Amino acid sequence: MTLPVVLTPQAEAELDDAAQWYEQQAAGLGTDLVEAVQRTLSLIENLPELYPVAHGTLRRGLLQRFPYAVYYRVHADRIEVVAIFHHRRDPAEWQRR
């Protein structure tokens, strides 16, 4: 059974901000980031336990090509993405979620 993947408002905002920043660096790069996130979310949706536990009940799926990770929690009825986070940011921020 496949569980739906739901992004929290914070995770959506992080993705939007990162995509805008990359798009300003080079045309199409923001789109590439969004596609990398979508590929990772698809893997998470199909294999929720593929990625290791990073903190408490949060798992971390690393993106290809970009220094970002998708932090998520598996619930009985959904997969909740709580952060799409750059590796160099303070991890305490996503750990509080």
N, C-alpha and C. Protein backbone atom coordinates (compact mmCIF):
# COMPACT_ATOMS: atom_id res chain seq x y z
N MET A 1 0.84 -1.18 0.00
CA MET A 1 0.00 0.00 0.00
C MET A 1 0.88 1.25 0.00
N THR A 2 0.59 2.16 -0.88
CA THR A 2 1.34 3.40 -0.98
C THR A 2 0.66 4.47 -0.13
N LEU A 3 1.43 5.14 0.69
CA LEU A 3 0.91 6.22 1.52
C LEU A 3 1.10 7.55 0.81
N PRO A 4 0.15 8.48 0.98
CA PRO A 4 0.33 9.80 0.37
C PRO A 4 1.44 10.58 1.07
N VAL A 5 2.16 11.35 0.28
CA VAL A 5 3.22 12.22 0.80
C VAL A 5 2.65 13.62 0.93
N VAL A 6 2.75 14.17 2.15
CA VAL A 6 2.22 15.49 2.45
C VAL A 6 3.35 16.37 2.96
N LEU A 7 3.53 17.54 2.34
CA LEU A 7 4.55 18.49 2.78
C LEU A 7 3.93 19.46 3.77
N THR A 8 4.63 19.71 4.86
CA THR A 8 4.18 20.74 5.79
C THR A 8 4.38 22.10 5.13
N PRO A 9 3.70 23.12 5.63
CA PRO A 9 3.91 24.47 5.07
C PRO A 9 5.38 24.91 5.13
N GLN A 10 6.09 24.53 6.20
CA GLN A 10 7.51 24.90 6.31
C GLN A 10 8.33 24.23 5.20
N ALA A 11 8.06 22.96 4.94
CA ALA A 11 8.80 22.24 3.89
C ALA A 11 8.50 22.84 2.52
N GLU A 12 7.24 23.17 2.26
CA GLU A 12 6.88 23.80 0.99
C GLU A 12 7.60 25.14 0.82
N ALA A 13 7.64 25.93 1.89
CA ALA A 13 8.31 27.23 1.83
C ALA A 13 9.81 27.07 1.59
N GLU A 14 10.42 26.07 2.23
CA GLU A 14 11.85 25.83 2.03
C GLU A 14 12.13 25.45 0.59
N LEU A 15 11.29 24.60 0.02
CA LEU A 15 11.48 24.20 -1.38
C LEU A 15 11.30 25.39 -2.30
N ASP A 16 10.27 26.19 -2.08
CA ASP A 16 10.05 27.37 -2.92
C ASP A 16 11.22 28.34 -2.85
N ASP A 17 11.70 28.61 -1.63
CA ASP A 17 12.83 29.53 -1.45
C ASP A 17 14.09 29.02 -2.15
N ALA A 18 14.37 27.73 -1.97
CA ALA A 18 15.57 27.16 -2.58
C ALA A 18 15.46 27.17 -4.11
N ALA A 19 14.30 26.83 -4.63
CA ALA A 19 14.12 26.82 -6.09
C ALA A 19 14.29 28.22 -6.66
N GLN A 20 13.75 29.21 -5.98
CA GLN A 20 13.91 30.60 -6.45
C GLN A 20 15.38 31.01 -6.42
N TRP A 21 16.08 30.65 -5.35
CA TRP A 21 17.49 31.02 -5.24
C TRP A 21 18.28 30.38 -6.38
N TYR A 22 18.09 29.08 -6.62
CA TYR A 22 18.82 28.39 -7.68
C TYR A 22 18.46 28.95 -9.06
N GLU A 23 17.21 29.31 -9.25
CA GLU A 23 16.80 29.86 -10.54
C GLU A 23 17.48 31.20 -10.80
N GLN A 24 17.74 31.97 -9.74
CA GLN A 24 18.46 33.24 -9.88
C GLN A 24 19.93 33.01 -10.23
N GLN A 25 20.46 31.87 -9.83
CA GLN A 25 21.85 31.56 -10.13
C GLN A 25 22.04 31.17 -11.59
N ALA A 26 21.08 30.40 -12.12
CA ALA A 26 21.15 29.97 -13.53
C ALA A 26 19.76 29.52 -13.96
N ALA A 27 19.36 29.95 -15.14
CA ALA A 27 18.04 29.59 -15.67
C ALA A 27 17.91 28.07 -15.74
N GLY A 28 16.81 27.57 -15.20
CA GLY A 28 16.54 26.14 -15.23
C GLY A 28 17.04 25.37 -14.02
N LEU A 29 17.93 25.98 -13.25
CA LEU A 29 18.51 25.27 -12.10
C LEU A 29 17.48 25.07 -10.99
N GLY A 30 16.58 26.04 -10.81
CA GLY A 30 15.51 25.88 -9.82
C GLY A 30 14.60 24.73 -10.19
N THR A 31 14.29 24.61 -11.48
CA THR A 31 13.48 23.50 -11.96
C THR A 31 14.18 22.18 -11.72
N ASP A 32 15.49 22.15 -11.92
CA ASP A 32 16.27 20.93 -11.67
C ASP A 32 16.18 20.52 -10.20
N LEU A 33 16.23 21.51 -9.30
CA LEU A 33 16.12 21.21 -7.88
C LEU A 33 14.74 20.60 -7.58
N VAL A 34 13.69 21.22 -8.09
CA VAL A 34 12.34 20.71 -7.84
C VAL A 34 12.21 19.28 -8.37
N GLU A 35 12.77 19.01 -9.53
CA GLU A 35 12.73 17.65 -10.09
C GLU A 35 13.49 16.66 -9.22
N ALA A 36 14.62 17.09 -8.67
CA ALA A 36 15.39 16.22 -7.77
C ALA A 36 14.58 15.91 -6.51
N VAL A 37 13.89 16.91 -5.99
CA VAL A 37 13.04 16.69 -4.81
C VAL A 37 11.91 15.74 -5.18
N GLN A 38 11.29 15.92 -6.33
CA GLN A 38 10.19 15.06 -6.75
C GLN A 38 10.65 13.61 -6.90
N ARG A 39 11.84 13.40 -7.43
CA ARG A 39 12.37 12.03 -7.55
C ARG A 39 12.56 11.40 -6.17
N THR A 40 13.09 12.18 -5.23
CA THR A 40 13.29 11.68 -3.88
C THR A 40 11.94 11.39 -3.21
N LEU A 41 10.97 12.28 -3.40
CA LEU A 41 9.64 12.06 -2.82
C LEU A 41 8.98 10.81 -3.41
N SER A 42 9.20 10.56 -4.67
CA SER A 42 8.65 9.36 -5.30
C SER A 42 9.25 8.10 -4.68
N LEU A 43 10.56 8.12 -4.44
CA LEU A 43 11.21 6.99 -3.77
C LEU A 43 10.65 6.80 -2.37
N ILE A 44 10.48 7.91 -1.66
CA ILE A 44 9.94 7.84 -0.30
C ILE A 44 8.52 7.29 -0.31
N GLU A 45 7.73 7.74 -1.27
CA GLU A 45 6.35 7.27 -1.37
C GLU A 45 6.29 5.76 -1.60
N ASN A 46 7.15 5.25 -2.45
CA ASN A 46 7.14 3.83 -2.79
C ASN A 46 7.89 2.95 -1.80
N LEU A 47 8.91 3.52 -1.16
CA LEU A 47 9.72 2.76 -0.20
C LEU A 47 9.99 3.63 1.03
N PRO A 48 8.99 3.85 1.87
CA PRO A 48 9.13 4.80 2.98
C PRO A 48 10.28 4.51 3.94
N GLU A 49 10.69 3.27 4.04
CA GLU A 49 11.76 2.92 4.97
C GLU A 49 13.12 2.80 4.28
N LEU A 50 13.20 3.28 3.04
CA LEU A 50 14.44 3.22 2.28
C LEU A 50 15.56 4.01 2.95
N TYR A 51 15.23 5.18 3.44
CA TYR A 51 16.24 6.07 4.00
C TYR A 51 16.37 5.87 5.51
N PRO A 52 17.55 6.13 6.05
CA PRO A 52 17.78 5.88 7.48
C PRO A 52 17.12 6.92 8.38
N VAL A 53 16.94 6.51 9.62
CA VAL A 53 16.45 7.43 10.64
C VAL A 53 17.57 8.41 10.96
N ALA A 54 17.23 9.69 10.98
CA ALA A 54 18.23 10.73 11.24
C ALA A 54 18.14 11.29 12.65
N HIS A 55 16.91 11.35 13.17
CA HIS A 55 16.70 11.94 14.50
C HIS A 55 15.31 11.54 14.99
N GLY A 56 15.25 10.87 16.11
CA GLY A 56 13.95 10.44 16.64
C GLY A 56 13.23 9.56 15.64
N THR A 57 12.08 10.04 15.15
CA THR A 57 11.30 9.30 14.15
C THR A 57 11.48 9.87 12.75
N LEU A 58 12.34 10.87 12.60
CA LEU A 58 12.55 11.49 11.29
C LEU A 58 13.59 10.73 10.47
N ARG A 59 13.25 10.50 9.23
CA ARG A 59 14.17 9.87 8.28
C ARG A 59 14.71 10.95 7.35
N ARG A 60 15.86 10.66 6.73
CA ARG A 60 16.51 11.63 5.86
C ARG A 60 16.83 11.00 4.51
N GLY A 61 16.24 11.60 3.47
CA GLY A 61 16.54 11.20 2.10
C GLY A 61 17.38 12.27 1.43
N LEU A 62 18.59 11.91 1.03
CA LEU A 62 19.49 12.88 0.39
C LEU A 62 19.15 13.04 -1.08
N LEU A 63 19.26 14.28 -1.55
CA LEU A 63 19.03 14.56 -2.97
C LEU A 63 20.27 14.26 -3.77
N GLN A 64 20.07 13.91 -5.02
CA GLN A 64 21.18 13.80 -5.97
C GLN A 64 21.48 15.21 -6.47
N ARG A 65 22.75 15.55 -6.63
CA ARG A 65 23.23 16.77 -7.25
C ARG A 65 23.14 18.02 -6.37
N PHE A 66 22.22 18.09 -5.45
CA PHE A 66 22.04 19.28 -4.63
C PHE A 66 22.32 18.96 -3.16
N PRO A 67 22.86 19.94 -2.41
CA PRO A 67 23.20 19.69 -1.00
C PRO A 67 21.98 19.84 -0.08
N TYR A 68 20.95 19.09 -0.38
CA TYR A 68 19.70 19.15 0.38
C TYR A 68 19.27 17.75 0.78
N ALA A 69 18.45 17.72 1.83
CA ALA A 69 17.86 16.46 2.28
C ALA A 69 16.39 16.68 2.54
N VAL A 70 15.62 15.61 2.37
CA VAL A 70 14.20 15.61 2.68
C VAL A 70 14.05 14.88 4.01
N TYR A 71 13.53 15.57 5.01
CA TYR A 71 13.29 14.98 6.32
C TYR A 71 11.81 14.67 6.44
N TYR A 72 11.52 13.42 6.79
CA TYR A 72 10.13 13.00 6.80
C TYR A 72 9.85 12.00 7.91
N ARG A 73 8.56 11.88 8.20
CA ARG A 73 8.08 10.98 9.24
C ARG A 73 6.99 10.11 8.63
N VAL A 74 7.05 8.82 8.88
CA VAL A 74 6.05 7.88 8.37
C VAL A 74 4.97 7.70 9.44
N HIS A 75 3.74 8.00 9.06
CA HIS A 75 2.57 7.79 9.92
C HIS A 75 1.78 6.62 9.36
N ALA A 76 0.78 6.17 10.07
CA ALA A 76 -0.05 5.05 9.62
C ALA A 76 -0.81 5.39 8.34
N ASP A 77 -1.17 6.68 8.17
CA ASP A 77 -2.02 7.07 7.04
C ASP A 77 -1.35 8.00 6.03
N ARG A 78 -0.11 8.41 6.29
CA ARG A 78 0.55 9.35 5.39
C ARG A 78 2.05 9.41 5.70
N ILE A 79 2.77 10.03 4.78
CA ILE A 79 4.18 10.34 4.99
C ILE A 79 4.26 11.85 5.06
N GLU A 80 4.74 12.37 6.16
CA GLU A 80 4.78 13.81 6.40
C GLU A 80 6.20 14.34 6.20
N VAL A 81 6.38 15.20 5.22
CA VAL A 81 7.67 15.83 4.97
C VAL A 81 7.72 17.09 5.82
N VAL A 82 8.64 17.12 6.78
CA VAL A 82 8.71 18.25 7.70
C VAL A 82 9.77 19.27 7.31
N ALA A 83 10.71 18.89 6.45
CA ALA A 83 11.76 19.83 6.06
C ALA A 83 12.40 19.39 4.74
N ILE A 84 12.76 20.39 3.95
CA ILE A 84 13.63 20.21 2.78
C ILE A 84 14.77 21.17 3.05
N PHE A 85 15.88 20.62 3.50
CA PHE A 85 16.86 21.40 4.22
C PHE A 85 18.25 21.32 3.61
N HIS A 86 18.91 22.47 3.51
CA HIS A 86 20.29 22.54 3.04
C HIS A 86 21.20 21.96 4.11
N HIS A 87 22.21 21.23 3.70
CA HIS A 87 23.12 20.54 4.62
C HIS A 87 23.86 21.48 5.56
N ARG A 88 24.08 22.71 5.15
CA ARG A 88 24.89 23.62 5.97
C ARG A 88 24.06 24.43 6.97
N ARG A 89 22.76 24.31 6.93
CA ARG A 89 21.93 25.02 7.90
C ARG A 89 21.96 24.29 9.23
N ASP A 90 21.61 25.00 10.28
CA ASP A 90 21.62 24.44 11.63
C ASP A 90 20.56 23.35 11.75
N PRO A 91 20.96 22.11 12.00
CA PRO A 91 19.99 21.02 12.07
C PRO A 91 19.00 21.15 13.23
N ALA A 92 19.32 21.96 14.22
CA ALA A 92 18.38 22.14 15.33
C ALA A 92 17.04 22.67 14.83
N GLU A 93 17.07 23.40 13.73
CA GLU A 93 15.83 23.96 13.19
C GLU A 93 14.85 22.87 12.75
N TRP A 94 15.32 21.86 12.00
CA TRP A 94 14.40 20.80 11.59
C TRP A 94 14.15 19.80 12.71
N GLN A 95 15.08 19.68 13.63
CA GLN A 95 14.92 18.71 14.71
C GLN A 95 13.79 19.11 15.67
N ARG A 96 13.46 20.39 15.73
CA ARG A 96 12.37 20.85 16.59
C ARG A 96 11.00 20.54 16.00
N ARG A 97 10.94 20.15 14.74
CA ARG A 97 9.64 19.97 14.09
C ARG A 97 9.01 18.67 14.42
